[in-house]
């Protein structure tokens, strides 16, 4: 019985972490502009946009996004100016056709990740108090790993920063699921420059 219950809980955890998503995921494929470079690192798409005043590198961890799931980008910004400029998620705008895609601020992204990885009563539905008690070591272990991953995620998020001359700043930015079939455009303002990144969004 305990083995069966452990299997049920493991399935519930997996379903919760990865989401019981509908069958219409979106594939995001980089569509570089003429003055941009597209590279791959272990299958991950990496955009590089350079100008006289600044450069932006943008990495997309995965091409396929499940419905309702957010998208995390890793962004690096380099300042080539002699003067510093301020940079945060407020400098980033996401657009899909005429639809604005929400850009999370760091605290919002962390709260969103906490919610997505929190066990709820529905995850334990059908289990008796005795069953749950028997699984307490697995649940405790899950929360220990989850809390460490949340700390790592919080540390990786892009925070507001003044980017000094000849220096860089980087971090993870989360946007909402791109629920449209037009091009997804990320507009990133860095001091005097505006960098635009385009992705084709293809419904599978």
Protein backbone atom coordinates (compact mmCIF):
# COMPACT_ATOMS: atom_id res chain seq x y z
CA UNK A 1 0.00 0.00 0.00
CA UNK A 2 2.76 2.43 0.93
CA UNK A 3 4.54 1.82 -2.37
CA UNK A 4 1.30 2.52 -4.25
CA UNK A 5 0.73 5.72 -2.27
CA UNK A 6 4.34 6.80 -2.92
CA UNK A 7 3.77 6.27 -6.64
CA UNK A 8 0.57 8.34 -6.52
CA UNK A 9 2.34 11.16 -4.69
CA UNK A 10 5.28 11.08 -7.08
CA UNK A 11 2.85 11.34 -10.00
CA UNK A 12 1.05 14.22 -8.29
CA UNK A 13 4.34 16.06 -7.72
CA UNK A 14 5.38 15.56 -11.34
CA UNK A 15 1.99 16.71 -12.61
CA UNK A 16 2.18 19.76 -10.36
CA UNK A 17 5.72 20.72 -11.34
CA UNK A 18 5.27 20.25 -15.06
CA UNK A 19 1.58 21.06 -15.25
CA UNK A 20 -1.24 18.96 -16.69
CA UNK A 21 -1.08 21.11 -19.79
CA UNK A 22 -3.43 21.06 -22.75
CA UNK A 23 -2.11 19.55 -25.97
CA UNK A 24 -1.34 22.85 -27.69
CA UNK A 25 2.14 23.96 -26.70
CA UNK A 26 3.88 26.79 -28.50
CA UNK A 27 7.28 26.46 -30.14
CA UNK A 28 9.36 29.64 -30.02
CA UNK A 29 11.96 29.98 -32.76
CA UNK A 30 14.38 32.88 -32.91
CA UNK A 31 13.96 35.13 -35.95
CA UNK A 32 17.12 37.28 -35.93
CA UNK A 33 17.17 40.66 -37.60
CA UNK A 34 19.85 41.49 -40.15
CA UNK A 35 22.27 43.01 -37.61
CA UNK A 36 21.87 40.26 -34.99
CA UNK A 37 23.71 37.00 -34.34
CA UNK A 38 21.96 33.75 -33.47
CA UNK A 39 24.04 31.04 -31.83
CA UNK A 40 23.30 27.74 -30.12
CA UNK A 41 24.71 26.36 -26.87
CA UNK A 42 23.61 22.81 -25.99
CA UNK A 43 20.51 23.39 -28.15
CA UNK A 44 19.67 26.68 -26.42
CA UNK A 45 19.01 29.67 -28.67
CA UNK A 46 21.24 32.67 -27.92
CA UNK A 47 20.58 36.06 -29.50
CA UNK A 48 23.26 38.75 -29.59
CA UNK A 49 22.42 42.35 -30.49
CA UNK A 50 25.23 44.91 -30.63
CA UNK A 51 25.26 48.67 -31.06
CA UNK A 52 27.78 51.43 -30.48
CA UNK A 53 26.47 52.21 -27.00
CA UNK A 54 25.41 48.80 -25.67
CA UNK A 55 25.03 45.09 -26.35
CA UNK A 56 22.37 42.63 -25.24
CA UNK A 57 22.64 38.86 -25.15
CA UNK A 58 19.45 36.88 -24.71
CA UNK A 59 19.22 33.12 -24.09
CA UNK A 60 16.03 31.09 -24.37
CA UNK A 61 16.31 27.92 -22.26
CA UNK A 62 13.73 25.96 -24.25
CA UNK A 63 11.88 26.31 -27.55
CA UNK A 64 8.66 24.59 -26.45
CA UNK A 65 6.36 26.27 -23.93
CA UNK A 66 3.32 24.51 -22.46
CA UNK A 67 0.04 26.48 -22.31
CA UNK A 68 -0.23 28.57 -19.18
CA UNK A 69 3.46 28.26 -18.37
CA UNK A 70 5.69 31.34 -18.27
CA UNK A 71 8.87 31.80 -20.31
CA UNK A 72 12.20 32.54 -18.63
CA UNK A 73 14.88 34.43 -20.56
CA UNK A 74 18.46 34.94 -19.45
CA UNK A 75 19.62 38.46 -20.37
CA UNK A 76 23.07 40.04 -20.31
CA UNK A 77 23.43 43.79 -20.87
CA UNK A 78 26.79 45.46 -21.59
CA UNK A 79 27.34 49.21 -21.32
CA UNK A 80 29.82 50.58 -23.89
CA UNK A 81 29.20 54.20 -22.89
CA UNK A 82 31.40 56.34 -20.65
CA UNK A 83 28.30 57.16 -18.57
CA UNK A 84 26.27 54.70 -16.48
CA UNK A 85 22.59 53.94 -17.10
CA UNK A 86 19.87 52.30 -15.02
CA UNK A 87 18.41 48.97 -16.10
CA UNK A 88 15.62 46.75 -14.74
CA UNK A 89 12.63 44.74 -15.94
CA UNK A 90 10.92 48.12 -16.50
CA UNK A 91 13.24 48.48 -19.51
CA UNK A 92 11.78 45.34 -21.11
CA UNK A 93 8.54 45.16 -23.07
CA UNK A 94 7.01 42.05 -24.65
CA UNK A 95 4.53 42.24 -27.53
CA UNK A 96 2.79 39.52 -29.55
CA UNK A 97 0.92 41.13 -32.44
CA UNK A 98 -1.29 43.75 -30.79
CA UNK A 99 -1.23 41.92 -27.47
CA UNK A 100 1.05 42.96 -24.63
CA UNK A 101 2.68 40.00 -22.86
CA UNK A 102 3.19 40.57 -19.17
CA UNK A 103 6.76 40.98 -17.90
CA UNK A 104 7.17 39.91 -14.27
CA UNK A 105 9.10 42.03 -11.79
CA UNK A 106 11.60 39.94 -9.75
CA UNK A 107 9.40 39.65 -6.63
CA UNK A 108 6.41 38.69 -8.78
CA UNK A 109 8.45 36.05 -10.61
CA UNK A 110 9.53 34.53 -7.29
CA UNK A 111 5.95 34.49 -5.95
CA UNK A 112 4.80 32.88 -9.20
CA UNK A 113 7.46 30.17 -8.91
CA UNK A 114 6.51 29.55 -5.27
CA UNK A 115 2.87 29.05 -6.27
CA UNK A 116 3.79 26.71 -9.13
CA UNK A 117 5.81 24.46 -6.85
CA UNK A 118 3.57 24.50 -3.76
CA UNK A 119 1.71 21.31 -2.89
CA UNK A 120 -2.01 21.85 -2.46
CA UNK A 121 -4.77 19.77 -0.88
CA UNK A 122 -5.78 18.57 -4.36
CA UNK A 123 -2.33 17.03 -4.81
CA UNK A 124 -2.97 14.85 -1.77
CA UNK A 125 -6.63 14.14 -2.53
CA UNK A 126 -7.68 10.57 -1.82
CA UNK A 127 -4.89 9.97 0.70
CA UNK A 128 -5.78 9.30 4.31
CA UNK A 129 -4.00 11.10 7.18
CA UNK A 130 -2.15 7.84 7.82
CA UNK A 131 -0.98 7.70 4.20
CA UNK A 132 0.19 11.32 4.33
CA UNK A 133 2.01 10.68 7.61
CA UNK A 134 3.76 7.69 6.03
CA UNK A 135 4.87 9.93 3.18
CA UNK A 136 6.11 12.76 5.41
CA UNK A 137 9.82 11.96 4.77
CA UNK A 138 9.29 12.26 0.99
CA UNK A 139 7.27 15.45 1.43
CA UNK A 140 9.94 16.93 3.70
CA UNK A 141 12.63 16.03 1.18
CA UNK A 142 10.60 17.62 -1.61
CA UNK A 143 10.26 20.89 0.28
CA UNK A 144 13.96 20.97 1.15
CA UNK A 145 14.88 20.63 -2.53
CA UNK A 146 12.14 23.07 -3.56
CA UNK A 147 13.27 25.71 -1.06
CA UNK A 148 16.87 25.46 -2.26
CA UNK A 149 15.73 25.77 -5.87
CA UNK A 150 13.63 28.81 -4.95
CA UNK A 151 16.66 30.42 -3.29
CA UNK A 152 18.73 29.75 -6.42
CA UNK A 153 15.94 31.12 -8.62
CA UNK A 154 15.64 34.29 -6.50
CA UNK A 155 19.40 34.81 -6.74
CA UNK A 156 19.30 34.44 -10.55
CA UNK A 157 16.52 36.99 -11.19
CA UNK A 158 17.37 40.25 -12.92
CA UNK A 159 17.38 43.03 -10.33
CA UNK A 160 17.37 46.78 -10.88
CA UNK A 161 20.95 47.94 -11.38
CA UNK A 162 22.95 50.96 -12.43
CA UNK A 163 25.28 49.60 -15.10
CA UNK A 164 28.58 51.42 -14.96
CA UNK A 165 30.78 52.24 -17.96
CA UNK A 166 32.37 49.18 -19.60
CA UNK A 167 30.53 46.76 -17.32
CA UNK A 168 27.73 44.21 -17.61
CA UNK A 169 24.62 43.14 -15.73
CA UNK A 170 22.64 39.94 -16.15
CA UNK A 171 19.79 37.84 -14.81
CA UNK A 172 16.64 35.87 -15.53
CA UNK A 173 13.47 37.62 -16.71
CA UNK A 174 10.09 35.88 -16.68
CA UNK A 175 7.27 36.71 -19.08
CA UNK A 176 3.75 35.28 -19.29
CA UNK A 177 2.83 32.56 -21.77
CA UNK A 178 2.79 34.07 -25.33
CA UNK A 179 -0.82 33.20 -26.12
CA UNK A 180 -0.90 34.20 -29.77
CA UNK A 181 0.42 32.97 -33.10
CA UNK A 182 2.10 36.21 -34.24
CA UNK A 183 5.74 37.06 -33.73
CA UNK A 184 6.75 37.60 -30.14
CA UNK A 185 8.80 40.78 -29.91
CA UNK A 186 10.96 41.72 -26.94
CA UNK A 187 11.89 45.40 -26.86
CA UNK A 188 14.80 46.12 -24.53
CA UNK A 189 15.84 49.72 -23.81
CA UNK A 190 19.45 50.14 -22.71
CA UNK A 191 20.41 53.76 -22.13
CA UNK A 192 20.29 55.43 -25.55
CA UNK A 193 19.63 52.19 -27.47
CA UNK A 194 16.61 50.03 -28.19
CA UNK A 195 17.26 46.35 -28.97
CA UNK A 196 14.47 44.32 -30.58
CA UNK A 197 14.33 40.53 -30.53
CA UNK A 198 11.76 38.56 -32.52
CA UNK A 199 10.54 34.97 -32.11
CA UNK A 200 8.15 33.05 -34.32
CA UNK A 201 5.48 31.43 -32.13
CA UNK A 202 4.19 28.22 -33.69
CA UNK A 203 1.29 26.27 -32.16
CA UNK A 204 2.12 22.57 -32.23
